[in-house]
Amino acid sequence: MAASKTSDLPSPLAVVCHDAGAANLILPWIKDWRGELRACMFGPASRLWANYFPERPLQDDMPTALLGAAALLSGTGWASDIEHLARIEAARLGIHSIGVIDHWANYAARFERNGFRQLPDEIWVADVQAEAIARRTFPQMQVFRRPNLYVREQLSRIGPPPGKERILYVLEPVRNDWGHGTPGEFQALDYALSRLTLFAPASNSILALRPHPSESVEKYQAYADRHPYIRFDHAPDLSAAISDADIVIGVESFALTLALAAGRRVFSTLPPWAPLLRLPHQGIIQIRNLPQEQNFTRGAFARATDEEQVLCRQRPPHRLRAFATACVAACLKPKRA
C-alpha cells in the first residue's frame, strides 16, 4: 500500500513526532484530513500540535497511538528515539509506515539507532532537492514528494527586506566539534563575528540571535553578554524574524533556505575547518569563501558600484568597513560588461 498523497492515507492514522522540522511539514498535511487521528507528540512537536489542533487531545503514549492504526506517519529527527521506536513497533504490528524527511542531511542515520536500522515502507519529502537525495540514498524505496505547505505559509507572511541592515543569526545545535573541542555552533559564531565587517555595512548593525526550537536562550546568554552588539530575537515565529532582517546567517539551518526563498542575502557560517555545506540550494554564500580583507583585489573593487567605491575612499574608521562591504557586493553581482 503506497500513500502518494495525504488523501490516500488510511484511517485510523497514527502520527508520531518530536522535532519541529518534520512536525512543521506533517501538521499542515493532516490539518484538513477527515480520518481518525491518533497523535503522539513530544518536545517541540507538542507545542506545534497545540497551535494546529488546540481541541484535539494527544494519545497517552506511542504504543496506544499505534494500537489498531492502519498507518504510521512519523518524523525522522535526531533529538529523540521515539520516532525510530514507533517505526520498529509499526513493523512488528504490520502497520504501513511512512517516514518524513525535512532536511537535506544525514538521511541514512535518521533510521538508525545503536547500529539497528529500521526503514519505513515509504519516504515523504517536500522539495526536489530532498527527493533527489532520498532516491540516491534509498534506491529501493518508494519516495514521494509532497507540497511544502509550511514554507508556503511562512513565505506568505514574510515582508520585503526592511532596509535596516539587521542581521538575523539562526542558531542550531551542530552536534560536532570538528576536532577542536568546542561545540560547532559556538565555533561558527566565533568565525562569523571574526568576519562581521563583511556582513555589517552599517557601524551600528545588530546581530540578532534566534535559538533553534530545541534550544534555550540560556545556552547562548553568556556568549551574548560578552558582545554588546548581540541581541536575542524574540519574534513569535520564523517568518516574523526573517521579515525584520535584511541578512540571514547560520550554519546549515532550514531557516537559511526559507530566507533565501524570501529574497534575503543568506550566508553560511561554517568555518574553514568544518565539512562541506550540505544544503544543496544555490545562492547560499559561505563566508569562508569570501576574500580576506587583506586579499581584496583591484578587480573586486572595480566591479563595485560608483557609490560603493566612494564609500571605500572615506577615511577611517569607516573605510575598512565600507571597503569590505563593497567587495562583498562585488562578489554578489556579475562583472560589468
C-alpha atoms as a PDB file:
ATOM      1  CA  MET A   1       0.000   0.000   0.000  1.00  0.00           C
ATOM      2  CA  ALA A   2       1.554   3.285  -1.076  1.00  0.00           C
ATOM      3  CA  ALA A   3       0.097   6.638   0.065  1.00  0.00           C
ATOM      4  CA  SER A   4       1.363   9.064  -2.546  1.00  0.00           C
ATOM      5  CA  LYS A   5      -0.783  11.883  -1.132  1.00  0.00           C
ATOM      6  CA  THR A   6      -2.470  12.757   2.133  1.00  0.00           C
ATOM      7  CA  SER A   7      -5.948  11.877   0.931  1.00  0.00           C
ATOM      8  CA  ASP A   8      -4.729   8.295   0.320  1.00  0.00           C
ATOM      9  CA  LEU A   9      -3.796   7.826   3.967  1.00  0.00           C
ATOM     10  CA  PRO A  10      -5.852   5.082   5.621  1.00  0.00           C
ATOM     11  CA  SER A  11      -7.742   5.593   8.856  1.00  0.00           C
ATOM     12  CA  PRO A  12      -7.001   5.326  11.763  1.00  0.00           C
ATOM     13  CA  LEU A  13      -3.700   7.164  11.241  1.00  0.00           C
ATOM     14  CA  ALA A  14      -1.028   7.229  13.955  1.00  0.00           C
ATOM     15  CA  VAL A  15       1.227  10.296  13.896  1.00  0.00           C
ATOM     16  CA  VAL A  16       4.414  10.368  15.984  1.00  0.00           C
ATOM     17  CA  CYS A  17       6.703  13.416  16.032  1.00  0.00           C
ATOM     18  CA  HIS A  18       9.323  15.009  18.261  1.00  0.00           C
ATOM     19  CA  ASP A  19      11.416  17.546  16.329  1.00  0.00           C
ATOM     20  CA  ALA A  20       9.932  20.715  14.876  1.00  0.00           C
ATOM     21  CA  GLY A  21      11.190  20.151  11.328  1.00  0.00           C
ATOM     22  CA  ALA A  22       9.057  17.154  10.379  1.00  0.00           C
ATOM     23  CA  ALA A  23       6.144  18.357  12.527  1.00  0.00           C
ATOM     24  CA  ASN A  24       6.092  21.604  10.540  1.00  0.00           C
ATOM     25  CA  LEU A  25       5.603  19.525   7.396  1.00  0.00           C
ATOM     26  CA  ILE A  26       3.204  16.914   8.755  1.00  0.00           C
ATOM     27  CA  LEU A  27       0.735  19.050  10.685  1.00  0.00           C
ATOM     28  CA  PRO A  28      -0.395  21.193   7.715  1.00  0.00           C
ATOM     29  CA  TRP A  29      -0.766  17.990   5.650  1.00  0.00           C
ATOM     30  CA  ILE A  30      -3.179  16.425   8.116  1.00  0.00           C
ATOM     31  CA  LYS A  31      -4.946  19.592   9.238  1.00  0.00           C
ATOM     32  CA  ASP A  32      -7.917  19.021   6.914  1.00  0.00           C
ATOM     33  CA  TRP A  33      -7.682  15.223   6.738  1.00  0.00           C
ATOM     34  CA  ARG A  34     -11.008  13.757   7.821  1.00  0.00           C
ATOM     35  CA  GLY A  35      -9.991  10.336   9.112  1.00  0.00           C
ATOM     36  CA  GLU A  36      -9.299   9.268  12.699  1.00  0.00           C
ATOM     37  CA  LEU A  37      -6.055  10.736  14.016  1.00  0.00           C
ATOM     38  CA  ARG A  38      -4.066   9.100  16.814  1.00  0.00           C
ATOM     39  CA  ALA A  39      -1.299  11.580  17.532  1.00  0.00           C
ATOM     40  CA  CYS A  40       1.602  11.216  19.908  1.00  0.00           C
ATOM     41  CA  MET A  41       3.739  14.376  20.121  1.00  0.00           C
ATOM     42  CA  PHE A  42       6.797  15.180  22.208  1.00  0.00           C
ATOM     43  CA  GLY A  43       9.196  18.106  22.602  1.00  0.00           C
ATOM     44  CA  PRO A  44       8.892  20.959  20.076  1.00  0.00           C
ATOM     45  CA  ALA A  45       6.276  18.981  18.107  1.00  0.00           C
ATOM     46  CA  SER A  46       3.858  19.005  21.064  1.00  0.00           C
ATOM     47  CA  ARG A  47       3.901  22.816  21.118  1.00  0.00           C
ATOM     48  CA  LEU A  48       3.212  22.952  17.380  1.00  0.00           C
ATOM     49  CA  TRP A  49       0.353  20.461  17.792  1.00  0.00           C
ATOM     50  CA  ALA A  50      -1.275  22.729  20.371  1.00  0.00           C
ATOM     51  CA  ASN A  51      -1.283  25.550  17.824  1.00  0.00           C
ATOM     52  CA  TYR A  52      -2.741  23.472  14.991  1.00  0.00           C
ATOM     53  CA  PHE A  53      -5.166  21.306  16.958  1.00  0.00           C
ATOM     54  CA  PRO A  54      -5.994  23.075  20.235  1.00  0.00           C
ATOM     55  CA  GLU A  55      -9.144  20.998  20.688  1.00  0.00           C
ATOM     56  CA  ARG A  56      -7.691  17.583  19.827  1.00  0.00           C
ATOM     57  CA  PRO A  57      -6.166  15.576  22.693  1.00  0.00           C
ATOM     58  CA  LEU A  58      -2.995  13.565  22.247  1.00  0.00           C
ATOM     59  CA  GLN A  59      -2.640   9.844  22.898  1.00  0.00           C
ATOM     60  CA  ASP A  60      -1.105   8.896  26.239  1.00  0.00           C
ATOM     61  CA  ASP A  61       1.850   7.105  24.696  1.00  0.00           C
ATOM     62  CA  MET A  62       3.241   5.779  21.442  1.00  0.00           C
ATOM     63  CA  PRO A  63       2.042   2.143  21.772  1.00  0.00           C
ATOM     64  CA  THR A  64      -1.513   3.391  22.419  1.00  0.00           C
ATOM     65  CA  ALA A  65      -1.350   5.574  19.304  1.00  0.00           C
ATOM     66  CA  LEU A  66      -0.278   2.597  17.187  1.00  0.00           C
ATOM     67  CA  LEU A  67      -2.756   0.086  18.594  1.00  0.00           C
ATOM     68  CA  GLY A  68      -5.260  -0.621  15.821  1.00  0.00           C
ATOM     69  CA  ALA A  69      -3.800   2.001  13.484  1.00  0.00           C
ATOM     70  CA  ALA A  70      -3.846   1.386   9.734  1.00  0.00           C
ATOM     71  CA  ALA A  71      -0.743   3.510   9.046  1.00  0.00           C
ATOM     72  CA  LEU A  72       2.001   5.454  10.807  1.00  0.00           C
ATOM     73  CA  LEU A  73       3.234   8.894   9.744  1.00  0.00           C
ATOM     74  CA  SER A  74       6.421   9.754  11.656  1.00  0.00           C
ATOM     75  CA  GLY A  75       9.175  12.334  11.773  1.00  0.00           C
ATOM     76  CA  THR A  76      12.831  11.450  11.375  1.00  0.00           C
ATOM     77  CA  GLY A  77      14.530  13.779  13.848  1.00  0.00           C
ATOM     78  CA  TRP A  78      17.748  13.251  15.790  1.00  0.00           C
ATOM     79  CA  ALA A  79      16.793  14.609  19.235  1.00  0.00           C
ATOM     80  CA  SER A  80      14.710  11.634  20.339  1.00  0.00           C
ATOM     81  CA  ASP A  81      14.371   7.893  19.725  1.00  0.00           C
ATOM     82  CA  ILE A  82      10.563   7.943  19.887  1.00  0.00           C
ATOM     83  CA  GLU A  83      10.014   8.192  16.125  1.00  0.00           C
ATOM     84  CA  HIS A  84      12.511   5.365  15.495  1.00  0.00           C
ATOM     85  CA  LEU A  85      10.830   3.218  18.159  1.00  0.00           C
ATOM     86  CA  ALA A  86       7.447   3.909  16.581  1.00  0.00           C
ATOM     87  CA  ARG A  87       8.692   2.610  13.243  1.00  0.00           C
ATOM     88  CA  ILE A  88      10.024  -0.531  14.938  1.00  0.00           C
ATOM     89  CA  GLU A  89       6.676  -1.095  16.637  1.00  0.00           C
ATOM     90  CA  ALA A  90       4.782  -0.433  13.407  1.00  0.00           C
ATOM     91  CA  ALA A  91       6.905  -3.020  11.602  1.00  0.00           C
ATOM     92  CA  ARG A  92       6.229  -5.540  14.382  1.00  0.00           C
ATOM     93  CA  LEU A  93       2.476  -4.936  14.151  1.00  0.00           C
ATOM     94  CA  GLY A  94       2.418  -4.961  10.345  1.00  0.00           C
ATOM     95  CA  ILE A  95       1.364  -1.296  10.148  1.00  0.00           C
ATOM     96  CA  HIS A  96       2.235   0.608   6.976  1.00  0.00           C
ATOM     97  CA  SER A  97       4.948   3.115   7.893  1.00  0.00           C
ATOM     98  CA  ILE A  98       5.779   6.470   6.298  1.00  0.00           C
ATOM     99  CA  GLY A  99       8.882   8.438   7.336  1.00  0.00           C
ATOM    100  CA  VAL A 100       9.001  12.192   6.685  1.00  0.00           C
ATOM    101  CA  ILE A 101      12.400  13.797   5.993  1.00  0.00           C
ATOM    102  CA  ASP A 102      12.504  17.552   6.495  1.00  0.00           C
ATOM    103  CA  HIS A 103      16.159  18.471   5.794  1.00  0.00           C
ATOM    104  CA  TRP A 104      18.939  17.618   3.363  1.00  0.00           C
ATOM    105  CA  ALA A 105      21.491  15.845   5.561  1.00  0.00           C
ATOM    106  CA  ASN A 106      22.085  12.577   7.440  1.00  0.00           C
ATOM    107  CA  TYR A 107      19.415  10.614   5.576  1.00  0.00           C
ATOM    108  CA  ALA A 108      20.629   7.093   6.416  1.00  0.00           C
ATOM    109  CA  ALA A 109      21.387   7.973  10.064  1.00  0.00           C
ATOM    110  CA  ARG A 110      17.806   9.119  10.599  1.00  0.00           C
ATOM    111  CA  PHE A 111      16.673   5.494  10.507  1.00  0.00           C
ATOM    112  CA  GLU A 112      19.409   4.038  12.699  1.00  0.00           C
ATOM    113  CA  ARG A 113      19.956   3.891  16.460  1.00  0.00           C
ATOM    114  CA  ASN A 114      22.767   1.964  18.147  1.00  0.00           C
ATOM    115  CA  GLY A 115      23.518   0.098  14.956  1.00  0.00           C
ATOM    116  CA  PHE A 116      19.902  -1.017  14.392  1.00  0.00           C
ATOM    117  CA  ARG A 117      18.258   0.151  11.188  1.00  0.00           C
ATOM    118  CA  GLN A 118      14.504   0.349  10.752  1.00  0.00           C
ATOM    119  CA  LEU A 119      13.340   1.799   7.465  1.00  0.00           C
ATOM    120  CA  PRO A 120       9.723   2.819   6.838  1.00  0.00           C
ATOM    121  CA  ASP A 121       7.735   1.418   3.916  1.00  0.00           C
ATOM    122  CA  GLU A 122       7.911   4.733   2.076  1.00  0.00           C
ATOM    123  CA  ILE A 123       9.508   8.161   2.469  1.00  0.00           C
ATOM    124  CA  TRP A 124       7.910  11.560   2.049  1.00  0.00           C
ATOM    125  CA  VAL A 125       9.900  14.698   1.291  1.00  0.00           C
ATOM    126  CA  ALA A 126       8.856  18.246   0.450  1.00  0.00           C
ATOM    127  CA  ASP A 127      11.120  19.573  -2.321  1.00  0.00           C
ATOM    128  CA  VAL A 128      13.030  18.497  -5.396  1.00  0.00           C
ATOM    129  CA  GLN A 129      16.440  18.555  -3.721  1.00  0.00           C
ATOM    130  CA  ALA A 130      15.334  16.315  -0.863  1.00  0.00           C
ATOM    131  CA  GLU A 131      13.653  13.951  -3.300  1.00  0.00           C
ATOM    132  CA  ALA A 132      16.881  13.556  -5.277  1.00  0.00           C
ATOM    133  CA  ILE A 133      18.919  12.859  -2.127  1.00  0.00           C
ATOM    134  CA  ALA A 134      16.349  10.355  -0.846  1.00  0.00           C
ATOM    135  CA  ARG A 135      16.267   8.463  -4.136  1.00  0.00           C
ATOM    136  CA  ARG A 136      20.082   8.270  -4.177  1.00  0.00           C
ATOM    137  CA  THR A 137      20.249   7.159  -0.544  1.00  0.00           C
ATOM    138  CA  PHE A 138      17.383   4.659  -0.688  1.00  0.00           C
ATOM    139  CA  PRO A 139      17.228   3.460  -4.312  1.00  0.00           C
ATOM    140  CA  GLN A 140      14.979   0.503  -3.468  1.00  0.00           C
ATOM    141  CA  MET A 141      12.360   2.523  -1.612  1.00  0.00           C
ATOM    142  CA  GLN A 142       9.288   4.432  -2.687  1.00  0.00           C
ATOM    143  CA  VAL A 143       9.890   8.189  -2.319  1.00  0.00           C
ATOM    144  CA  PHE A 144       7.093  10.723  -2.739  1.00  0.00           C
ATOM    145  CA  ARG A 145       7.331  14.498  -2.870  1.00  0.00           C
ATOM    146  CA  ARG A 146       4.548  16.344  -1.119  1.00  0.00           C
ATOM    147  CA  PRO A 147       3.823  20.107  -1.280  1.00  0.00           C
ATOM    148  CA  ASN A 148       5.614  22.115   1.396  1.00  0.00           C
ATOM    149  CA  LEU A 149       2.587  23.857   2.875  1.00  0.00           C
ATOM    150  CA  TYR A 150       4.638  25.154   5.804  1.00  0.00           C
ATOM    151  CA  VAL A 151       7.053  27.041   3.541  1.00  0.00           C
ATOM    152  CA  ARG A 152       4.163  28.412   1.508  1.00  0.00           C
ATOM    153  CA  GLU A 153       2.527  29.758   4.634  1.00  0.00           C
ATOM    154  CA  GLN A 154       5.751  31.230   6.013  1.00  0.00           C
ATOM    155  CA  LEU A 155       6.637  32.924   2.702  1.00  0.00           C
ATOM    156  CA  SER A 156       3.171  34.489   2.527  1.00  0.00           C
ATOM    157  CA  ARG A 157       3.894  36.181   5.856  1.00  0.00           C
ATOM    158  CA  ILE A 158       7.407  37.464   5.123  1.00  0.00           C
ATOM    159  CA  GLY A 159       7.598  41.069   4.024  1.00  0.00           C
ATOM    160  CA  PRO A 160      10.262  42.778   1.913  1.00  0.00           C
ATOM    161  CA  PRO A 161      13.684  43.474   3.433  1.00  0.00           C
ATOM    162  CA  PRO A 162      13.285  46.319   5.957  1.00  0.00           C
ATOM    163  CA  GLY A 163      16.450  48.148   4.926  1.00  0.00           C
ATOM    164  CA  LYS A 164      17.729  48.403   8.492  1.00  0.00           C
ATOM    165  CA  GLU A 165      20.807  46.229   7.884  1.00  0.00           C
ATOM    166  CA  ARG A 166      19.600  43.964  10.661  1.00  0.00           C
ATOM    167  CA  ILE A 167      21.334  40.594  10.700  1.00  0.00           C
ATOM    168  CA  LEU A 168      19.472  37.501  11.883  1.00  0.00           C
ATOM    169  CA  TYR A 169      21.597  34.564  13.071  1.00  0.00           C
ATOM    170  CA  VAL A 170      19.547  31.342  13.078  1.00  0.00           C
ATOM    171  CA  LEU A 171      21.224  29.037  15.586  1.00  0.00           C
ATOM    172  CA  GLU A 172      21.226  25.259  15.644  1.00  0.00           C
ATOM    173  CA  PRO A 173      22.967  22.503  17.617  1.00  0.00           C
ATOM    174  CA  VAL A 174      25.727  21.221  15.331  1.00  0.00           C
ATOM    175  CA  ARG A 175      26.457  18.064  17.383  1.00  0.00           C
ATOM    176  CA  ASN A 176      30.072  18.065  16.201  1.00  0.00           C
ATOM    177  CA  ASP A 177      33.199  19.857  17.444  1.00  0.00           C
ATOM    178  CA  TRP A 178      35.111  19.215  14.223  1.00  0.00           C
ATOM    179  CA  GLY A 179      38.065  18.058  16.310  1.00  0.00           C
ATOM    180  CA  HIS A 180      38.511  21.412  18.091  1.00  0.00           C
ATOM    181  CA  GLY A 181      36.931  20.605  21.477  1.00  0.00           C
ATOM    182  CA  THR A 182      34.261  23.352  21.320  1.00  0.00           C
ATOM    183  CA  PRO A 183      30.693  22.765  20.112  1.00  0.00           C
ATOM    184  CA  GLY A 184      30.471  23.558  16.430  1.00  0.00           C
ATOM    185  CA  GLU A 185      27.679  26.085  16.898  1.00  0.00           C
ATOM    186  CA  PHE A 186      29.998  28.270  19.014  1.00  0.00           C
ATOM    187  CA  GLN A 187      32.891  27.830  16.600  1.00  0.00           C
ATOM    188  CA  ALA A 188      30.626  29.039  13.800  1.00  0.00           C
ATOM    189  CA  LEU A 189      29.526  32.011  15.918  1.00  0.00           C
ATOM    190  CA  ASP A 190      33.128  32.970  16.644  1.00  0.00           C
ATOM    191  CA  TYR A 191      34.037  32.665  12.991  1.00  0.00           C
ATOM    192  CA  ALA A 192      31.065  34.777  11.912  1.00  0.00           C
ATOM    193  CA  LEU A 193      31.970  37.526  14.372  1.00  0.00           C
ATOM    194  CA  SER A 194      35.576  37.489  13.183  1.00  0.00           C
ATOM    195  CA  ARG A 195      34.305  38.348   9.713  1.00  0.00           C
ATOM    196  CA  LEU A 196      31.458  40.615  10.748  1.00  0.00           C
ATOM    197  CA  THR A 197      32.724  43.531   8.701  1.00  0.00           C
ATOM    198  CA  LEU A 198      31.829  41.515   5.623  1.00  0.00           C
ATOM    199  CA  PHE A 199      28.165  41.408   6.672  1.00  0.00           C
ATOM    200  CA  ALA A 200      27.629  44.676   8.519  1.00  0.00           C
ATOM    201  CA  PRO A 201      27.644  47.666   6.195  1.00  0.00           C
ATOM    202  CA  ALA A 202      26.487  49.959   8.996  1.00  0.00           C
ATOM    203  CA  SER A 203      28.661  50.610  12.030  1.00  0.00           C
ATOM    204  CA  ASN A 204      25.635  50.217  14.335  1.00  0.00           C
ATOM    205  CA  SER A 205      24.447  46.876  12.950  1.00  0.00           C
ATOM    206  CA  ILE A 206      22.850  44.497  15.418  1.00  0.00           C
ATOM    207  CA  LEU A 207      23.261  40.728  15.276  1.00  0.00           C
ATOM    208  CA  ALA A 208      20.014  39.086  16.407  1.00  0.00           C
ATOM    209  CA  LEU A 209      20.394  35.506  17.672  1.00  0.00           C
ATOM    210  CA  ARG A 210      17.421  33.165  17.249  1.00  0.00           C
ATOM    211  CA  PRO A 211      17.901  29.837  19.085  1.00  0.00           C
ATOM    212  CA  HIS A 212      16.788  26.590  17.457  1.00  0.00           C
ATOM    213  CA  PRO A 213      13.377  25.302  18.675  1.00  0.00           C
ATOM    214  CA  SER A 214      15.208  22.557  20.583  1.00  0.00           C
ATOM    215  CA  GLU A 215      17.491  25.025  22.389  1.00  0.00           C
ATOM    216  CA  SER A 216      17.088  27.622  25.121  1.00  0.00           C
ATOM    217  CA  VAL A 217      18.200  31.245  25.256  1.00  0.00           C
ATOM    218  CA  GLU A 218      20.254  30.391  28.350  1.00  0.00           C
ATOM    219  CA  LYS A 219      22.637  28.301  26.247  1.00  0.00           C
ATOM    220  CA  TYR A 220      23.827  31.463  24.487  1.00  0.00           C
ATOM    221  CA  GLN A 221      23.250  34.063  27.237  1.00  0.00           C
ATOM    222  CA  ALA A 222      26.842  34.217  28.473  1.00  0.00           C
ATOM    223  CA  TYR A 223      28.094  34.460  24.909  1.00  0.00           C
ATOM    224  CA  ALA A 224      25.710  37.309  24.117  1.00  0.00           C
ATOM    225  CA  ASP A 225      26.695  39.142  27.311  1.00  0.00           C
ATOM    226  CA  ARG A 226      30.266  39.389  26.027  1.00  0.00           C
ATOM    227  CA  HIS A 227      29.237  41.161  22.814  1.00  0.00           C
ATOM    228  CA  PRO A 228      27.327  44.471  23.113  1.00  0.00           C
ATOM    229  CA  TYR A 229      26.041  44.355  19.519  1.00  0.00           C
ATOM    230  CA  ILE A 230      24.343  40.951  20.004  1.00  0.00           C
ATOM    231  CA  ARG A 231      20.660  40.734  20.894  1.00  0.00           C
ATOM    232  CA  PHE A 232      18.211  37.854  21.052  1.00  0.00           C
ATOM    233  CA  ASP A 233      15.431  37.665  18.513  1.00  0.00           C
ATOM    234  CA  HIS A 234      12.030  37.370  20.196  1.00  0.00           C
ATOM    235  CA  ALA A 235       9.818  37.262  17.099  1.00  0.00           C
ATOM    236  CA  PRO A 236       6.854  34.908  17.581  1.00  0.00           C
ATOM    237  CA  ASP A 237       7.785  32.751  14.600  1.00  0.00           C
ATOM    238  CA  LEU A 238      10.385  32.344  11.890  1.00  0.00           C
ATOM    239  CA  SER A 239       8.523  34.373   9.275  1.00  0.00           C
ATOM    240  CA  ALA A 240       8.368  37.371  11.624  1.00  0.00           C
ATOM    241  CA  ALA A 241      12.073  37.034  12.427  1.00  0.00           C
ATOM    242  CA  ILE A 242      13.038  36.962   8.744  1.00  0.00           C
ATOM    243  CA  SER A 243      10.672  39.847   7.961  1.00  0.00           C
ATOM    244  CA  ASP A 244      12.702  42.024  10.311  1.00  0.00           C
ATOM    245  CA  ALA A 245      16.067  41.100   8.784  1.00  0.00           C
ATOM    246  CA  ASP A 246      17.968  42.096   5.670  1.00  0.00           C
ATOM    247  CA  ILE A 247      20.630  39.424   6.065  1.00  0.00           C
ATOM    248  CA  VAL A 248      20.197  35.911   7.476  1.00  0.00           C
ATOM    249  CA  ILE A 249      23.161  33.793   8.539  1.00  0.00           C
ATOM    250  CA  GLY A 250      23.631  30.412  10.189  1.00  0.00           C
ATOM    251  CA  VAL A 251      25.362  27.059   9.812  1.00  0.00           C
ATOM    252  CA  GLU A 252      23.033  24.740   7.856  1.00  0.00           C
ATOM    253  CA  SER A 253      19.603  25.564   9.244  1.00  0.00           C
ATOM    254  CA  PHE A 254      16.398  25.065   7.276  1.00  0.00           C
ATOM    255  CA  ALA A 255      15.757  28.727   8.072  1.00  0.00           C
ATOM    256  CA  LEU A 256      18.545  29.695   5.657  1.00  0.00           C
ATOM    257  CA  THR A 257      16.621  28.116   2.785  1.00  0.00           C
ATOM    258  CA  LEU A 258      13.425  29.896   3.806  1.00  0.00           C
ATOM    259  CA  ALA A 259      15.243  33.246   3.982  1.00  0.00           C
ATOM    260  CA  LEU A 260      16.763  32.573   0.568  1.00  0.00           C
ATOM    261  CA  ALA A 261      13.311  31.929  -0.902  1.00  0.00           C
ATOM    262  CA  ALA A 262      12.147  35.170   0.729  1.00  0.00           C
ATOM    263  CA  GLY A 263      14.792  37.154  -1.138  1.00  0.00           C
ATOM    264  CA  ARG A 264      17.227  37.738   1.717  1.00  0.00           C
ATOM    265  CA  ARG A 265      21.004  37.667   1.446  1.00  0.00           C
ATOM    266  CA  VAL A 266      21.976  34.402   3.091  1.00  0.00           C
ATOM    267  CA  PHE A 267      25.360  33.307   4.422  1.00  0.00           C
ATOM    268  CA  SER A 268      26.559  30.024   5.928  1.00  0.00           C
ATOM    269  CA  THR A 269      28.917  30.480   8.874  1.00  0.00           C
ATOM    270  CA  LEU A 270      30.707  27.137   8.539  1.00  0.00           C
ATOM    271  CA  PRO A 271      34.371  27.836   9.364  1.00  0.00           C
ATOM    272  CA  PRO A 272      37.157  26.709   7.007  1.00  0.00           C
ATOM    273  CA  TRP A 273      37.900  23.577   9.047  1.00  0.00           C
ATOM    274  CA  ALA A 274      34.291  22.324   9.023  1.00  0.00           C
ATOM    275  CA  PRO A 275      32.936  19.810   6.455  1.00  0.00           C
ATOM    276  CA  LEU A 276      31.270  20.782   3.206  1.00  0.00           C
ATOM    277  CA  LEU A 277      27.983  22.668   3.310  1.00  0.00           C
ATOM    278  CA  ARG A 278      25.205  20.110   2.854  1.00  0.00           C
ATOM    279  CA  LEU A 279      22.415  22.471   1.858  1.00  0.00           C
ATOM    280  CA  PRO A 280      22.033  21.921  -1.907  1.00  0.00           C
ATOM    281  CA  HIS A 281      20.394  25.291  -2.574  1.00  0.00           C
ATOM    282  CA  GLN A 282      22.031  27.716  -4.982  1.00  0.00           C
ATOM    283  CA  GLY A 283      22.523  31.223  -3.623  1.00  0.00           C
ATOM    284  CA  ILE A 284      23.760  30.490  -0.096  1.00  0.00           C
ATOM    285  CA  ILE A 285      27.142  32.190   0.279  1.00  0.00           C
ATOM    286  CA  GLN A 286      29.733  30.602   2.527  1.00  0.00           C
ATOM    287  CA  ILE A 287      31.627  33.276   4.438  1.00  0.00           C
ATOM    288  CA  ARG A 288      34.727  31.066   4.408  1.00  0.00           C
ATOM    289  CA  ASN A 289      34.807  31.562   0.632  1.00  0.00           C
ATOM    290  CA  LEU A 290      34.726  35.350   0.825  1.00  0.00           C
ATOM    291  CA  PRO A 291      38.054  37.103   0.300  1.00  0.00           C
ATOM    292  CA  GLN A 292      40.158  38.001   3.294  1.00  0.00           C
ATOM    293  CA  GLU A 293      40.208  41.750   3.852  1.00  0.00           C
ATOM    294  CA  GLN A 294      43.922  41.913   3.174  1.00  0.00           C
ATOM    295  CA  ASN A 295      43.400  39.993  -0.052  1.00  0.00           C
ATOM    296  CA  PHE A 296      40.766  42.256  -1.617  1.00  0.00           C
ATOM    297  CA  THR A 297      41.785  42.806  -5.202  1.00  0.00           C
ATOM    298  CA  ARG A 298      41.537  45.666  -7.625  1.00  0.00           C
ATOM    299  CA  GLY A 299      39.288  43.508  -9.750  1.00  0.00           C
ATOM    300  CA  ALA A 300      36.758  43.136  -6.949  1.00  0.00           C
ATOM    301  CA  PHE A 301      36.896  46.865  -6.240  1.00  0.00           C
ATOM    302  CA  ALA A 302      36.397  47.667  -9.923  1.00  0.00           C
ATOM    303  CA  ARG A 303      33.186  45.649 -10.006  1.00  0.00           C
ATOM    304  CA  ALA A 304      31.663  47.649  -7.156  1.00  0.00           C
ATOM    305  CA  THR A 305      29.261  50.478  -7.972  1.00  0.00           C
ATOM    306  CA  ASP A 306      30.445  54.080  -8.087  1.00  0.00           C
ATOM    307  CA  GLU A 307      28.680  54.751  -4.781  1.00  0.00           C
ATOM    308  CA  GLU A 308      30.376  51.788  -3.144  1.00  0.00           C
ATOM    309  CA  GLN A 309      33.755  52.970  -4.424  1.00  0.00           C
ATOM    310  CA  VAL A 310      33.129  56.439  -2.977  1.00  0.00           C
ATOM    311  CA  LEU A 311      32.370  54.839   0.376  1.00  0.00           C
ATOM    312  CA  CYS A 312      35.601  52.923   0.169  1.00  0.00           C
ATOM    313  CA  ARG A 313      37.561  56.139  -0.110  1.00  0.00           C
ATOM    314  CA  GLN A 314      36.212  57.517   3.142  1.00  0.00           C
ATOM    315  CA  ARG A 315      38.631  57.978   5.982  1.00  0.00           C
ATOM    316  CA  PRO A 316      38.931  55.511   8.877  1.00  0.00           C
ATOM    317  CA  PRO A 317      37.204  54.119  10.844  1.00  0.00           C
ATOM    318  CA  HIS A 318      34.572  53.744   8.153  1.00  0.00           C
ATOM    319  CA  ARG A 319      36.976  52.978   5.360  1.00  0.00           C
ATOM    320  CA  LEU A 320      37.748  49.360   6.155  1.00  0.00           C
ATOM    321  CA  ARG A 321      34.099  48.501   6.810  1.00  0.00           C
ATOM    322  CA  ALA A 322      32.965  50.264   3.624  1.00  0.00           C
ATOM    323  CA  PHE A 323      35.701  48.624   1.623  1.00  0.00           C
ATOM    324  CA  ALA A 324      34.657  45.227   2.918  1.00  0.00           C
ATOM    325  CA  THR A 325      31.046  45.979   2.070  1.00  0.00           C
ATOM    326  CA  ALA A 326      31.950  46.998  -1.447  1.00  0.00           C
ATOM    327  CA  CYS A 327      33.958  43.861  -2.013  1.00  0.00           C
ATOM    328  CA  VAL A 328      31.181  41.641  -0.701  1.00  0.00           C
ATOM    329  CA  ALA A 329      28.774  43.428  -3.002  1.00  0.00           C
ATOM    330  CA  ALA A 330      31.182  42.875  -5.849  1.00  0.00           C
ATOM    331  CA  CYS A 331      31.212  39.164  -5.098  1.00  0.00           C
ATOM    332  CA  LEU A 332      27.433  39.044  -5.242  1.00  0.00           C
ATOM    333  CA  LYS A 333      26.916  40.687  -8.602  1.00  0.00           C
ATOM    334  CA  PRO A 334      28.054  39.829 -12.135  1.00  0.00           C
ATOM    335  CA  LYS A 335      31.002  41.573 -13.669  1.00  0.00           C
ATOM    336  CA  ARG A 336      30.405  44.752 -15.588  1.00  0.00           C
ATOM    337  CA  ALA A 337      30.429  44.372 -19.371  1.00  0.00           C
END
